[in-house]
Every structure is written in structure tokens, then in C-alpha cells.
Amino acid sequence: MIEVKYITHACFEISGNKTILIDPFFNGNETNPHYNGNPDIVLVTHEHFDHADAGNMKGKIVAPHTVNIPNKIEMKIGDEKVIDGIKIKMIRASHYQSKYPTGYIITMEGKNIAHLGDTYLDGVDPLGNIDLLLVPIGGHYTMNIEEALKAVEIIKPKMVIPMHYNTFKEIKADPNVFKSKATAMGYKAIVLNYNESIKIQ
């Protein structure tokens, strides 16, 4: 069984036989997230401060070359690595504000979880069998709700959770609008509050 917890912004903790933290953002985050976890692996999608606050993390940090964190495990788009028994694939994203935007597919306990990072719709590809999709909906720096719904249609996940909204004034969006529209399209959509989690079996 895997537990997926929404920490803040685009930051999730995925726990199973290992614990993975994706896109930490704590310093300067006005939502005041509290995180006391001890992740084995920290995944960073790109170099922006609201995704790469991993300098004090003790776990193995995986990131593209543009992220300035010493001793990181560097990956390129298309790379697959097995780290602590967890298969991690780096996928492309489209985010012109970043030098090298990426996302990840994490395979843990037979489940595939895709985190799209900061991306516009032209960075979204079919990804094969995805059990859970973490998709940005806030607009401005990423897809908006309507574009995120198109991304869901491209990827066709078993379940989808929206992220990257309402942290800043530029990315105001109503996740329940996304949920209702995704549900009407036949997809299972879940809105999580900060520090709320779901279990995947």
C-alpha cells in the first residue's frame, strides 16, 4: 500500500517501502507548511525556489543539472534509474521560465505515479499506464484548469490530483471546478487539502 500526502504547492510525500518527497517548498512559503518527514529520496523537477528547497534534506536528492544542490544524483529527460529499489524516470515538461523543466514517473510497489512538474500543455505526452497523475492547474506559470483537463485526456490516468494553485496570487484556481469537470469526463479526481493523504492499493 502506498500513501500519497499533499504537503503544499507542488510538494507531495509518497510513502511505501520507501519515502519520497517531490518538489519541496518551505522557506518563504506563505502557506506555512510543516514537514517533519525523513524522506529517503527527494525529487526536484527544476531549479525554481518553489520546487527546489532541498538544500537541507538528508535523503538522496535527484535533480536535473540546472539545480544547484551539491552531491545530487543528476538525471536527464528520458533517463531511468533505480534508487533504493524505486524506479524513477525523468520526463520532459514545457515551462519556458525554466532552463530545464522536467517531471517524474515513480514506480513503487507496482504503482506508477506521474508528477508533471511545472508544465504547459505542449509538454504533456502519453505516459503509458499511470495509476495517479499529479497535475498543475493554476495557470500563468503552468496549465490552467481547461488545459489540465486536456492533459488528463492525453495521459488517461486511473486517478488524478490537482496541484500548483492558490499559493501565489498569479495562480488562483478552484480545484473543485477541476474535480467536477474531470469527474464528468469519466476520471476519478481527488482534491486534497494540505497534509491530507490518500492510500493506493
Protein backbone atom coordinates (compact mmCIF):
# COMPACT_ATOMS: atom_id res chain seq x y z
CA MET A 1 0.00 0.00 0.00
CA ILE A 2 1.19 3.50 -0.89
CA GLU A 3 0.22 6.70 0.90
CA VAL A 4 0.30 9.98 -1.03
CA LYS A 5 0.22 13.16 1.07
CA TYR A 6 -0.19 16.67 -0.34
CA ILE A 7 2.24 18.89 1.59
CA THR A 8 1.91 22.23 -0.26
CA HIS A 9 2.04 23.79 -3.74
CA ALA A 10 3.60 21.07 -5.94
CA CYS A 11 5.09 19.19 -2.98
CA PHE A 12 3.94 15.64 -2.22
CA GLU A 13 5.20 12.88 0.03
CA ILE A 14 4.84 9.36 -1.32
CA SER A 15 5.31 6.61 1.26
CA GLY A 16 5.53 2.86 0.80
CA ASN A 17 8.56 0.68 1.29
CA LYS A 18 10.48 3.97 0.92
CA THR A 19 9.52 7.64 1.38
CA ILE A 20 9.84 10.08 -1.49
CA LEU A 21 9.38 13.85 -1.30
CA ILE A 22 8.76 15.76 -4.53
CA ASP A 23 9.41 19.48 -5.11
CA PRO A 24 9.91 20.74 -1.53
CA PHE A 25 8.94 24.36 -0.89
CA PHE A 26 9.15 25.55 2.72
CA ASN A 27 11.28 28.70 3.01
CA GLY A 28 9.24 31.73 2.00
CA ASN A 29 6.07 29.70 1.56
CA GLU A 30 3.22 31.80 2.94
CA THR A 31 1.01 28.73 3.40
CA ASN A 32 3.35 27.85 6.31
CA PRO A 33 3.78 24.16 5.56
CA HIS A 34 5.04 21.92 8.33
CA TYR A 35 7.06 18.89 7.34
CA ASN A 36 8.84 16.64 9.78
CA GLY A 37 9.35 13.70 7.46
CA ASN A 38 12.60 11.90 6.72
CA PRO A 39 12.46 11.11 3.01
CA ASP A 40 14.80 8.53 1.55
CA ILE A 41 14.66 10.25 -1.85
CA VAL A 42 13.92 13.87 -2.77
CA LEU A 43 12.91 14.60 -6.37
CA VAL A 44 13.32 18.13 -7.76
CA THR A 45 11.70 18.93 -11.11
CA HIS A 46 13.52 22.21 -11.84
CA GLU A 47 15.61 24.97 -10.33
CA HIS A 48 12.93 27.47 -9.18
CA PHE A 49 12.80 28.27 -5.47
CA ASP A 50 9.24 26.97 -5.06
CA HIS A 51 10.30 23.49 -6.23
CA ALA A 52 13.92 23.10 -5.18
CA ASP A 53 14.01 23.85 -1.45
CA ALA A 54 16.00 20.69 -0.80
CA GLY A 55 19.35 22.02 0.42
CA ASN A 56 18.84 20.80 4.00
CA MET A 57 17.33 17.44 3.10
CA LYS A 58 19.25 14.36 4.20
CA GLY A 59 17.86 11.91 1.64
CA LYS A 60 19.25 11.22 -1.81
CA ILE A 61 18.40 14.23 -3.98
CA VAL A 62 17.56 13.63 -7.63
CA ALA A 63 17.51 16.64 -9.94
CA PRO A 64 18.45 17.92 -13.39
CA HIS A 65 21.82 19.60 -13.92
CA THR A 66 20.36 23.10 -13.52
CA VAL A 67 19.54 22.57 -9.84
CA ASN A 68 22.39 23.88 -7.68
CA ILE A 69 22.46 21.30 -4.90
CA PRO A 70 25.75 19.56 -4.09
CA ASN A 71 26.03 15.76 -4.27
CA LYS A 72 22.76 15.37 -6.13
CA ILE A 73 22.00 12.39 -8.35
CA GLU A 74 21.77 14.03 -11.75
CA MET A 75 19.26 12.83 -14.33
CA LYS A 76 18.36 13.90 -17.85
CA ILE A 77 14.98 13.75 -19.57
CA GLY A 78 14.38 10.17 -20.66
CA ASP A 79 16.71 8.68 -18.04
CA GLU A 80 15.51 5.85 -15.81
CA LYS A 81 17.28 4.95 -12.58
CA VAL A 82 16.55 2.51 -9.78
CA ILE A 83 17.31 4.22 -6.48
CA ASP A 84 16.78 2.33 -3.22
CA GLY A 85 14.68 -0.15 -5.17
CA ILE A 86 12.39 2.56 -6.62
CA LYS A 87 12.27 3.06 -10.38
CA ILE A 88 12.37 6.73 -11.28
CA LYS A 89 12.02 8.12 -14.80
CA MET A 90 12.58 11.77 -15.66
CA ILE A 91 10.11 13.11 -18.23
CA ARG A 92 10.01 16.34 -20.18
CA ALA A 93 7.96 19.42 -19.34
CA SER A 94 7.33 22.73 -21.08
CA HIS A 95 7.99 25.70 -18.82
CA TYR A 96 9.80 28.49 -20.64
CA GLN A 97 10.70 30.21 -17.36
CA SER A 98 12.99 27.27 -16.51
CA LYS A 99 16.28 26.29 -18.11
CA TYR A 100 15.46 22.57 -17.96
CA PRO A 101 11.90 21.74 -16.83
CA THR A 102 11.10 18.13 -16.01
CA GLY A 103 8.66 15.80 -14.32
CA TYR A 104 8.90 12.26 -12.96
CA ILE A 105 7.26 8.87 -13.12
CA ILE A 106 7.78 6.94 -9.89
CA THR A 107 7.18 3.20 -9.82
CA MET A 108 6.66 1.92 -6.29
CA GLU A 109 5.07 -1.35 -5.20
CA GLY A 110 3.74 -1.90 -8.71
CA LYS A 111 2.07 1.52 -9.00
CA ASN A 112 3.04 4.29 -11.41
CA ILE A 113 2.73 7.88 -10.14
CA ALA A 114 3.40 10.76 -12.53
CA HIS A 115 4.27 14.26 -11.29
CA LEU A 116 4.23 16.68 -14.23
CA GLY A 117 6.24 19.46 -12.57
CA ASP A 118 5.61 22.94 -13.94
CA THR A 119 4.35 22.42 -17.46
CA TYR A 120 2.21 23.88 -20.19
CA LEU A 121 0.08 21.62 -22.33
CA ASP A 122 2.65 21.31 -25.10
CA GLY A 123 4.90 19.48 -22.65
CA VAL A 124 2.39 16.71 -21.96
CA ASP A 125 2.85 13.30 -23.59
CA PRO A 126 1.11 9.93 -23.25
CA LEU A 127 2.93 8.15 -20.43
CA GLY A 128 1.60 4.62 -20.55
CA ASN A 129 -0.15 3.08 -17.56
CA ILE A 130 -0.43 5.77 -14.87
CA ASP A 131 -2.21 4.97 -11.62
CA LEU A 132 -2.02 8.51 -10.22
CA LEU A 133 -1.39 11.79 -12.03
CA LEU A 134 -0.34 14.95 -10.17
CA VAL A 135 -1.22 17.83 -12.49
CA PRO A 136 -0.78 21.63 -12.20
CA ILE A 137 -3.94 23.69 -12.71
CA GLY A 138 -3.07 27.24 -11.59
CA GLY A 139 -2.35 28.81 -14.97
CA HIS A 140 0.15 31.63 -15.64
CA TYR A 141 3.27 29.52 -14.96
CA THR A 142 1.59 26.22 -15.92
CA MET A 143 -1.56 24.85 -17.47
CA ASN A 144 -4.87 26.26 -16.34
CA ILE A 145 -7.87 24.08 -15.49
CA GLU A 146 -9.07 23.61 -19.06
CA GLU A 147 -5.59 22.75 -20.28
CA ALA A 148 -5.06 20.38 -17.37
CA LEU A 149 -8.24 18.57 -18.36
CA LYS A 150 -6.77 18.13 -21.85
CA ALA A 151 -3.62 16.75 -20.22
CA VAL A 152 -5.75 14.23 -18.35
CA GLU A 153 -7.28 13.17 -21.67
CA ILE A 154 -3.80 12.67 -23.13
CA ILE A 155 -2.48 10.62 -20.19
CA LYS A 156 -5.70 8.85 -19.13
CA PRO A 157 -4.68 8.08 -15.52
CA LYS A 158 -6.71 5.91 -13.17
CA MET A 159 -6.77 8.82 -10.69
CA VAL A 160 -5.78 12.50 -10.77
CA ILE A 161 -4.97 15.09 -8.10
CA PRO A 162 -4.60 18.81 -8.93
CA MET A 163 -1.64 20.84 -7.63
CA HIS A 164 0.18 24.15 -8.09
CA TYR A 165 -2.72 26.52 -7.41
CA ASN A 166 -3.56 29.32 -4.93
CA THR A 167 -0.04 29.53 -3.45
CA PHE A 168 0.52 32.86 -5.21
CA LYS A 169 -1.96 35.44 -6.46
CA GLU A 170 -0.98 34.67 -10.07
CA ILE A 171 -2.15 31.05 -9.84
CA LYS A 172 -5.63 31.35 -8.40
CA ALA A 173 -7.79 28.39 -9.38
CA ASP A 174 -10.65 26.37 -7.89
CA PRO A 175 -9.62 22.72 -7.61
CA ASN A 176 -13.24 21.66 -7.16
CA VAL A 177 -14.06 23.02 -10.62
CA PHE A 178 -11.28 20.85 -11.99
CA LYS A 179 -12.58 17.88 -9.99
CA SER A 180 -16.17 18.24 -11.19
CA LYS A 181 -15.12 18.59 -14.84
CA ALA A 182 -12.69 15.67 -14.67
CA THR A 183 -15.37 13.57 -13.00
CA ALA A 184 -17.83 14.46 -15.75
CA MET A 185 -15.24 13.24 -18.26
CA GLY A 186 -15.16 9.86 -16.51
CA TYR A 187 -12.00 10.25 -14.45
CA LYS A 188 -11.52 9.77 -10.72
CA ALA A 189 -10.36 13.14 -9.38
CA ILE A 190 -9.49 13.89 -5.76
CA VAL A 191 -8.82 17.27 -4.16
CA LEU A 192 -6.50 17.10 -1.15
CA ASN A 193 -6.04 19.75 1.50
CA TYR A 194 -2.52 20.37 2.75
CA ASN A 195 -1.27 17.42 4.84
CA GLU A 196 -4.21 15.31 3.71
CA SER A 197 -3.44 11.95 2.16
CA ILE A 198 -4.92 9.06 0.21
CA LYS A 199 -3.94 5.40 0.10
CA ILE A 200 -3.41 3.48 -3.14
CA GLN A 201 -3.68 -0.30 -3.09
